Amino acid sequence: MTNLTAKDLDVLSHILTGEEMACKKAKIYANTLTDAALAQEMDRISCAHAERFSALYKLLGGKK
């Protein structure tokens, strides 16, 4: 990967934090909702956020 500036790393850090929080919130909603279709959709959304988090983390050289 190319060398990233401090600003680039700061932005990516904020994006990672946002993806992690969105994943956690969607998972909470999936476990709280009583409508099965909505709960399934929230679980799908949670997984999508988790995948984006993992992809960004790996891009930065992480091992998750």
N, C-alpha and C. Protein backbone atom coordinates (compact mmCIF):
# COMPACT_ATOMS: atom_id res chain seq x y z
N MET A 1 0.84 -1.18 0.00
CA MET A 1 0.00 0.00 0.00
C MET A 1 0.88 1.24 0.00
N THR A 2 0.38 2.29 -0.61
CA THR A 2 1.15 3.53 -0.67
C THR A 2 1.23 4.15 0.72
N ASN A 3 2.18 5.04 0.87
CA ASN A 3 2.33 5.73 2.14
C ASN A 3 1.17 6.68 2.34
N LEU A 4 0.60 6.62 3.52
CA LEU A 4 -0.54 7.47 3.84
C LEU A 4 -0.08 8.62 4.73
N THR A 5 -0.71 9.76 4.54
CA THR A 5 -0.41 10.91 5.37
C THR A 5 -1.14 10.75 6.71
N ALA A 6 -0.77 11.59 7.64
CA ALA A 6 -1.45 11.59 8.95
C ALA A 6 -2.93 11.90 8.77
N LYS A 7 -3.25 12.80 7.84
CA LYS A 7 -4.64 13.15 7.58
C LYS A 7 -5.40 11.94 7.02
N ASP A 8 -4.76 11.20 6.10
CA ASP A 8 -5.38 10.00 5.54
C ASP A 8 -5.69 8.99 6.65
N LEU A 9 -4.73 8.78 7.52
CA LEU A 9 -4.91 7.83 8.62
C LEU A 9 -6.00 8.29 9.58
N ASP A 10 -6.09 9.59 9.81
CA ASP A 10 -7.13 10.13 10.68
C ASP A 10 -8.51 9.89 10.08
N VAL A 11 -8.64 10.14 8.79
CA VAL A 11 -9.92 9.93 8.10
C VAL A 11 -10.29 8.44 8.14
N LEU A 12 -9.35 7.58 7.83
CA LEU A 12 -9.62 6.14 7.85
C LEU A 12 -9.97 5.65 9.25
N SER A 13 -9.35 6.23 10.24
CA SER A 13 -9.68 5.87 11.62
C SER A 13 -11.13 6.22 11.94
N HIS A 14 -11.57 7.39 11.51
CA HIS A 14 -12.95 7.80 11.73
C HIS A 14 -13.93 6.89 10.97
N ILE A 15 -13.57 6.52 9.76
CA ILE A 15 -14.42 5.62 8.97
C ILE A 15 -14.52 4.26 9.65
N LEU A 16 -13.39 3.74 10.12
CA LEU A 16 -13.41 2.45 10.82
C LEU A 16 -14.29 2.52 12.07
N THR A 17 -14.17 3.60 12.81
CA THR A 17 -15.00 3.76 14.00
C THR A 17 -16.48 3.80 13.63
N GLY A 18 -16.80 4.52 12.57
CA GLY A 18 -18.19 4.59 12.12
C GLY A 18 -18.73 3.25 11.68
N GLU A 19 -17.95 2.48 10.94
CA GLU A 19 -18.38 1.16 10.49
C GLU A 19 -18.57 0.22 11.68
N GLU A 20 -17.67 0.30 12.66
CA GLU A 20 -17.79 -0.55 13.84
C GLU A 20 -19.05 -0.22 14.63
N MET A 21 -19.32 1.06 14.82
CA MET A 21 -20.50 1.48 15.57
C MET A 21 -21.78 1.11 14.82
N ALA A 22 -21.80 1.30 13.51
CA ALA A 22 -22.98 0.96 12.72
C ALA A 22 -23.25 -0.54 12.78
N CYS A 23 -22.20 -1.33 12.74
CA CYS A 23 -22.33 -2.79 12.85
C CYS A 23 -22.95 -3.16 14.19
N LYS A 24 -22.43 -2.61 15.26
CA LYS A 24 -22.92 -2.92 16.60
C LYS A 24 -24.38 -2.49 16.78
N LYS A 25 -24.71 -1.30 16.30
CA LYS A 25 -26.08 -0.81 16.43
C LYS A 25 -27.06 -1.66 15.64
N ALA A 26 -26.69 -2.01 14.42
CA ALA A 26 -27.57 -2.85 13.60
C ALA A 26 -27.76 -4.22 14.25
N LYS A 27 -26.71 -4.75 14.86
CA LYS A 27 -26.82 -6.05 15.55
C LYS A 27 -27.76 -5.94 16.75
N ILE A 28 -27.66 -4.84 17.49
CA ILE A 28 -28.57 -4.62 18.62
C ILE A 28 -30.01 -4.54 18.12
N TYR A 29 -30.23 -3.77 17.05
CA TYR A 29 -31.57 -3.67 16.49
C TYR A 29 -32.08 -5.03 16.04
N ALA A 30 -31.21 -5.83 15.39
CA ALA A 30 -31.62 -7.15 14.92
C ALA A 30 -32.06 -8.03 16.08
N ASN A 31 -31.38 -7.90 17.20
CA ASN A 31 -31.72 -8.72 18.37
C ASN A 31 -32.92 -8.18 19.15
N THR A 32 -33.30 -6.93 18.88
CA THR A 32 -34.38 -6.29 19.63
C THR A 32 -35.71 -6.32 18.88
N LEU A 33 -35.65 -6.24 17.56
CA LEU A 33 -36.88 -6.17 16.77
C LEU A 33 -37.71 -7.44 16.89
N THR A 34 -39.02 -7.26 16.93
CA THR A 34 -39.93 -8.41 16.99
C THR A 34 -40.40 -8.84 15.60
N ASP A 35 -40.32 -7.96 14.63
CA ASP A 35 -40.67 -8.30 13.25
C ASP A 35 -39.49 -9.08 12.65
N ALA A 36 -39.74 -10.33 12.28
CA ALA A 36 -38.66 -11.21 11.81
C ALA A 36 -38.00 -10.68 10.54
N ALA A 37 -38.78 -10.11 9.63
CA ALA A 37 -38.22 -9.59 8.38
C ALA A 37 -37.30 -8.40 8.65
N LEU A 38 -37.72 -7.51 9.52
CA LEU A 38 -36.89 -6.36 9.87
C LEU A 38 -35.63 -6.80 10.62
N ALA A 39 -35.78 -7.76 11.51
CA ALA A 39 -34.63 -8.26 12.26
C ALA A 39 -33.62 -8.89 11.30
N GLN A 40 -34.10 -9.62 10.31
CA GLN A 40 -33.21 -10.24 9.34
C GLN A 40 -32.49 -9.18 8.50
N GLU A 41 -33.21 -8.14 8.14
CA GLU A 41 -32.60 -7.05 7.36
C GLU A 41 -31.53 -6.33 8.19
N MET A 42 -31.81 -6.10 9.46
CA MET A 42 -30.81 -5.46 10.32
C MET A 42 -29.59 -6.34 10.49
N ASP A 43 -29.78 -7.65 10.55
CA ASP A 43 -28.66 -8.57 10.64
C ASP A 43 -27.82 -8.50 9.36
N ARG A 44 -28.49 -8.43 8.21
CA ARG A 44 -27.79 -8.30 6.93
C ARG A 44 -26.99 -7.00 6.89
N ILE A 45 -27.59 -5.92 7.37
CA ILE A 45 -26.90 -4.62 7.40
C ILE A 45 -25.70 -4.68 8.34
N SER A 46 -25.87 -5.33 9.47
CA SER A 46 -24.76 -5.49 10.41
C SER A 46 -23.59 -6.22 9.76
N CYS A 47 -23.89 -7.28 9.04
CA CYS A 47 -22.85 -8.05 8.35
C CYS A 47 -22.15 -7.21 7.28
N ALA A 48 -22.91 -6.38 6.57
CA ALA A 48 -22.32 -5.53 5.53
C ALA A 48 -21.33 -4.53 6.16
N HIS A 49 -21.71 -3.95 7.29
CA HIS A 49 -20.80 -3.03 7.98
C HIS A 49 -19.56 -3.76 8.48
N ALA A 50 -19.74 -4.96 8.99
CA ALA A 50 -18.61 -5.76 9.48
C ALA A 50 -17.65 -6.09 8.33
N GLU A 51 -18.19 -6.41 7.17
CA GLU A 51 -17.35 -6.71 6.01
C GLU A 51 -16.56 -5.49 5.56
N ARG A 52 -17.21 -4.32 5.55
CA ARG A 52 -16.49 -3.10 5.18
C ARG A 52 -15.40 -2.77 6.20
N PHE A 53 -15.71 -2.95 7.48
CA PHE A 53 -14.70 -2.72 8.52
C PHE A 53 -13.49 -3.63 8.29
N SER A 54 -13.75 -4.90 8.07
CA SER A 54 -12.66 -5.87 7.86
C SER A 54 -11.84 -5.53 6.63
N ALA A 55 -12.51 -5.14 5.55
CA ALA A 55 -11.79 -4.81 4.33
C ALA A 55 -10.89 -3.59 4.53
N LEU A 56 -11.40 -2.57 5.20
CA LEU A 56 -10.59 -1.38 5.47
C LEU A 56 -9.43 -1.71 6.40
N TYR A 57 -9.71 -2.51 7.41
CA TYR A 57 -8.67 -2.87 8.37
C TYR A 57 -7.55 -3.65 7.69
N LYS A 58 -7.92 -4.60 6.84
CA LYS A 58 -6.92 -5.38 6.11
C LYS A 58 -6.13 -4.49 5.17
N LEU A 59 -6.80 -3.53 4.56
CA LEU A 59 -6.13 -2.59 3.66
C LEU A 59 -5.05 -1.82 4.38
N LEU A 60 -5.30 -1.55 5.65
CA LEU A 60 -4.31 -0.81 6.45
C LEU A 60 -3.24 -1.71 7.04
N GLY A 61 -3.32 -3.00 6.75
CA GLY A 61 -2.29 -3.91 7.24
C GLY A 61 -2.68 -4.66 8.49
N GLY A 62 -3.94 -4.58 8.89
CA GLY A 62 -4.39 -5.31 10.06
C GLY A 62 -4.56 -6.79 9.75
N LYS A 63 -4.80 -7.57 10.78
CA LYS A 63 -4.88 -9.03 10.60
C LYS A 63 -6.24 -9.59 10.91
N LYS A 64 -7.26 -8.76 11.07
CA LYS A 64 -8.61 -9.26 11.38
C LYS A 64 -9.22 -9.89 10.17
